[in-house]
Amino acid sequence: MCEFVVYLKGKDGTRREVARNIVVPKRKEGKTLHMDVICSVTTLENAIVQEVNTLTQELILVPS
């Protein structure tokens, strides 16, 4: 199973880790939801997916 580390990328290009061990990322009602392996959900508003990389197991978000 592929578990992602989720980063929020700032305007200056720096990345901040916002979630770890994510197995289900999805968009719902204008929010980005990230469910981890123990079914805990991290919710981010005003962020969209820029990149999904299965080789490095990274999911990169940017402000919307």
N, C-alpha and C. Protein backbone atom coordinates (compact mmCIF):
# COMPACT_ATOMS: atom_id res chain seq x y z
N MET A 1 0.84 -1.17 0.00
CA MET A 1 0.00 0.00 0.00
C MET A 1 0.89 1.24 0.00
N CYS A 2 0.50 2.23 -0.76
CA CYS A 2 1.26 3.47 -0.85
C CYS A 2 0.73 4.48 0.17
N GLU A 3 1.60 4.93 1.05
CA GLU A 3 1.24 5.93 2.07
C GLU A 3 2.01 7.21 1.77
N PHE A 4 1.28 8.31 1.63
CA PHE A 4 1.87 9.58 1.24
C PHE A 4 2.20 10.47 2.43
N VAL A 5 3.24 11.28 2.24
CA VAL A 5 3.50 12.42 3.11
C VAL A 5 2.96 13.62 2.34
N VAL A 6 2.14 14.44 3.00
CA VAL A 6 1.50 15.58 2.34
C VAL A 6 2.22 16.86 2.75
N TYR A 7 2.57 17.65 1.73
CA TYR A 7 3.25 18.93 1.96
C TYR A 7 2.42 20.06 1.39
N LEU A 8 2.42 21.20 2.07
CA LEU A 8 1.83 22.42 1.54
C LEU A 8 2.97 23.30 1.08
N LYS A 9 2.94 23.64 -0.19
CA LYS A 9 4.02 24.43 -0.80
C LYS A 9 3.66 25.92 -0.73
N GLY A 10 4.56 26.70 -0.17
CA GLY A 10 4.33 28.13 -0.04
C GLY A 10 4.66 28.87 -1.32
N LYS A 11 4.31 30.15 -1.36
CA LYS A 11 4.57 30.99 -2.54
C LYS A 11 6.06 31.12 -2.82
N ASP A 12 6.89 31.00 -1.76
CA ASP A 12 8.34 31.10 -1.94
C ASP A 12 8.98 29.76 -2.31
N GLY A 13 8.16 28.70 -2.46
CA GLY A 13 8.66 27.40 -2.87
C GLY A 13 9.00 26.46 -1.72
N THR A 14 8.97 26.96 -0.49
CA THR A 14 9.25 26.09 0.65
C THR A 14 8.06 25.16 0.90
N ARG A 15 8.35 23.99 1.44
CA ARG A 15 7.30 23.01 1.72
C ARG A 15 7.20 22.77 3.22
N ARG A 16 5.96 22.67 3.69
CA ARG A 16 5.69 22.38 5.10
C ARG A 16 4.87 21.09 5.17
N GLU A 17 5.34 20.13 5.97
CA GLU A 17 4.61 18.87 6.11
C GLU A 17 3.32 19.11 6.89
N VAL A 18 2.20 18.62 6.33
CA VAL A 18 0.91 18.81 6.99
C VAL A 18 0.25 17.49 7.38
N ALA A 19 0.68 16.38 6.80
CA ALA A 19 0.10 15.08 7.14
C ALA A 19 1.07 13.98 6.72
N ARG A 20 0.90 12.81 7.34
CA ARG A 20 1.79 11.68 7.10
C ARG A 20 0.97 10.39 7.09
N ASN A 21 1.45 9.39 6.36
CA ASN A 21 0.79 8.08 6.27
C ASN A 21 -0.61 8.17 5.66
N ILE A 22 -0.76 9.04 4.66
CA ILE A 22 -2.06 9.26 4.03
C ILE A 22 -2.31 8.20 2.96
N VAL A 23 -3.48 7.56 3.04
CA VAL A 23 -3.84 6.53 2.07
C VAL A 23 -5.04 6.94 1.21
N VAL A 24 -5.84 7.92 1.68
CA VAL A 24 -7.01 8.37 0.92
C VAL A 24 -7.05 9.90 0.90
N PRO A 25 -6.56 10.53 -0.17
CA PRO A 25 -6.74 11.97 -0.32
C PRO A 25 -7.96 12.22 -1.21
N LYS A 26 -8.78 13.21 -0.85
CA LYS A 26 -9.91 13.55 -1.71
C LYS A 26 -10.38 14.98 -1.46
N ARG A 27 -11.13 15.48 -2.40
CA ARG A 27 -11.67 16.84 -2.34
C ARG A 27 -13.16 16.74 -2.05
N LYS A 28 -13.63 17.53 -1.08
CA LYS A 28 -15.05 17.50 -0.74
C LYS A 28 -15.47 18.88 -0.24
N GLU A 29 -16.49 19.43 -0.89
CA GLU A 29 -17.07 20.72 -0.50
C GLU A 29 -16.02 21.82 -0.37
N GLY A 30 -15.09 21.87 -1.32
CA GLY A 30 -14.08 22.92 -1.33
C GLY A 30 -12.92 22.70 -0.38
N LYS A 31 -12.88 21.56 0.28
CA LYS A 31 -11.81 21.24 1.22
C LYS A 31 -11.04 20.03 0.71
N THR A 32 -9.78 19.92 1.12
CA THR A 32 -8.97 18.75 0.79
C THR A 32 -8.88 17.89 2.04
N LEU A 33 -9.35 16.65 1.94
CA LEU A 33 -9.37 15.72 3.07
C LEU A 33 -8.30 14.65 2.86
N HIS A 34 -7.61 14.30 3.95
CA HIS A 34 -6.54 13.31 3.87
C HIS A 34 -6.73 12.31 5.01
N MET A 35 -7.07 11.07 4.66
CA MET A 35 -7.28 10.02 5.66
C MET A 35 -6.02 9.17 5.77
N ASP A 36 -5.60 8.94 7.02
CA ASP A 36 -4.40 8.13 7.22
C ASP A 36 -4.76 6.67 7.49
N VAL A 37 -3.77 5.86 7.80
CA VAL A 37 -3.96 4.41 7.94
C VAL A 37 -4.82 4.03 9.13
N ILE A 38 -4.99 4.92 10.11
CA ILE A 38 -5.87 4.62 11.25
C ILE A 38 -7.19 5.39 11.15
N CYS A 39 -7.51 5.86 9.93
CA CYS A 39 -8.76 6.54 9.60
C CYS A 39 -8.92 7.91 10.26
N SER A 40 -7.82 8.51 10.67
CA SER A 40 -7.84 9.88 11.16
C SER A 40 -7.79 10.80 9.94
N VAL A 41 -8.58 11.89 9.97
CA VAL A 41 -8.68 12.77 8.81
C VAL A 41 -8.07 14.13 9.13
N THR A 42 -7.21 14.60 8.23
CA THR A 42 -6.67 15.96 8.28
C THR A 42 -7.37 16.75 7.18
N THR A 43 -7.96 17.89 7.54
CA THR A 43 -8.71 18.71 6.59
C THR A 43 -7.97 20.02 6.35
N LEU A 44 -7.83 20.38 5.08
CA LEU A 44 -7.22 21.65 4.71
C LEU A 44 -8.17 22.42 3.81
N GLU A 45 -8.36 23.69 4.12
CA GLU A 45 -9.17 24.55 3.26
C GLU A 45 -8.23 25.36 2.37
N ASN A 46 -8.73 25.76 1.22
CA ASN A 46 -7.98 26.62 0.31
C ASN A 46 -6.67 26.01 -0.16
N ALA A 47 -6.67 24.71 -0.44
CA ALA A 47 -5.48 24.04 -0.96
C ALA A 47 -5.91 23.04 -2.02
N ILE A 48 -5.12 22.95 -3.09
CA ILE A 48 -5.40 21.99 -4.15
C ILE A 48 -4.14 21.18 -4.45
N VAL A 49 -4.33 20.01 -5.04
CA VAL A 49 -3.20 19.13 -5.35
C VAL A 49 -2.44 19.67 -6.56
N GLN A 50 -1.13 19.80 -6.40
CA GLN A 50 -0.27 20.19 -7.50
C GLN A 50 0.43 18.97 -8.10
N GLU A 51 0.84 18.04 -7.23
CA GLU A 51 1.62 16.89 -7.69
C GLU A 51 1.37 15.69 -6.80
N VAL A 52 1.28 14.52 -7.42
CA VAL A 52 1.23 13.24 -6.72
C VAL A 52 2.39 12.42 -7.25
N ASN A 53 3.31 12.03 -6.37
CA ASN A 53 4.49 11.29 -6.79
C ASN A 53 4.54 9.96 -6.03
N THR A 54 4.24 8.87 -6.71
CA THR A 54 4.25 7.56 -6.05
C THR A 54 5.66 7.04 -5.82
N LEU A 55 6.64 7.52 -6.59
CA LEU A 55 8.02 7.08 -6.38
C LEU A 55 8.58 7.58 -5.05
N THR A 56 8.29 8.84 -4.72
CA THR A 56 8.78 9.42 -3.47
C THR A 56 7.71 9.41 -2.38
N GLN A 57 6.52 8.96 -2.73
CA GLN A 57 5.36 8.91 -1.83
C GLN A 57 5.06 10.28 -1.23
N GLU A 58 5.04 11.29 -2.12
CA GLU A 58 4.75 12.65 -1.72
C GLU A 58 3.53 13.18 -2.46
N LEU A 59 2.71 13.94 -1.75
CA LEU A 59 1.57 14.62 -2.32
C LEU A 59 1.79 16.11 -2.01
N ILE A 60 1.91 16.93 -3.06
CA ILE A 60 2.21 18.34 -2.89
C ILE A 60 0.95 19.16 -3.13
N LEU A 61 0.61 20.01 -2.16
CA LEU A 61 -0.54 20.91 -2.27
C LEU A 61 -0.04 22.34 -2.43
N VAL A 62 -0.86 23.17 -3.06
CA VAL A 62 -0.58 24.60 -3.16
C VAL A 62 -1.84 25.35 -2.76
N PRO A 63 -1.70 26.58 -2.29
CA PRO A 63 -2.88 27.38 -1.95
C PRO A 63 -3.76 27.58 -3.19
N SER A 64 -5.07 27.54 -2.98
CA SER A 64 -5.99 27.75 -4.12
C SER A 64 -6.43 29.18 -4.20
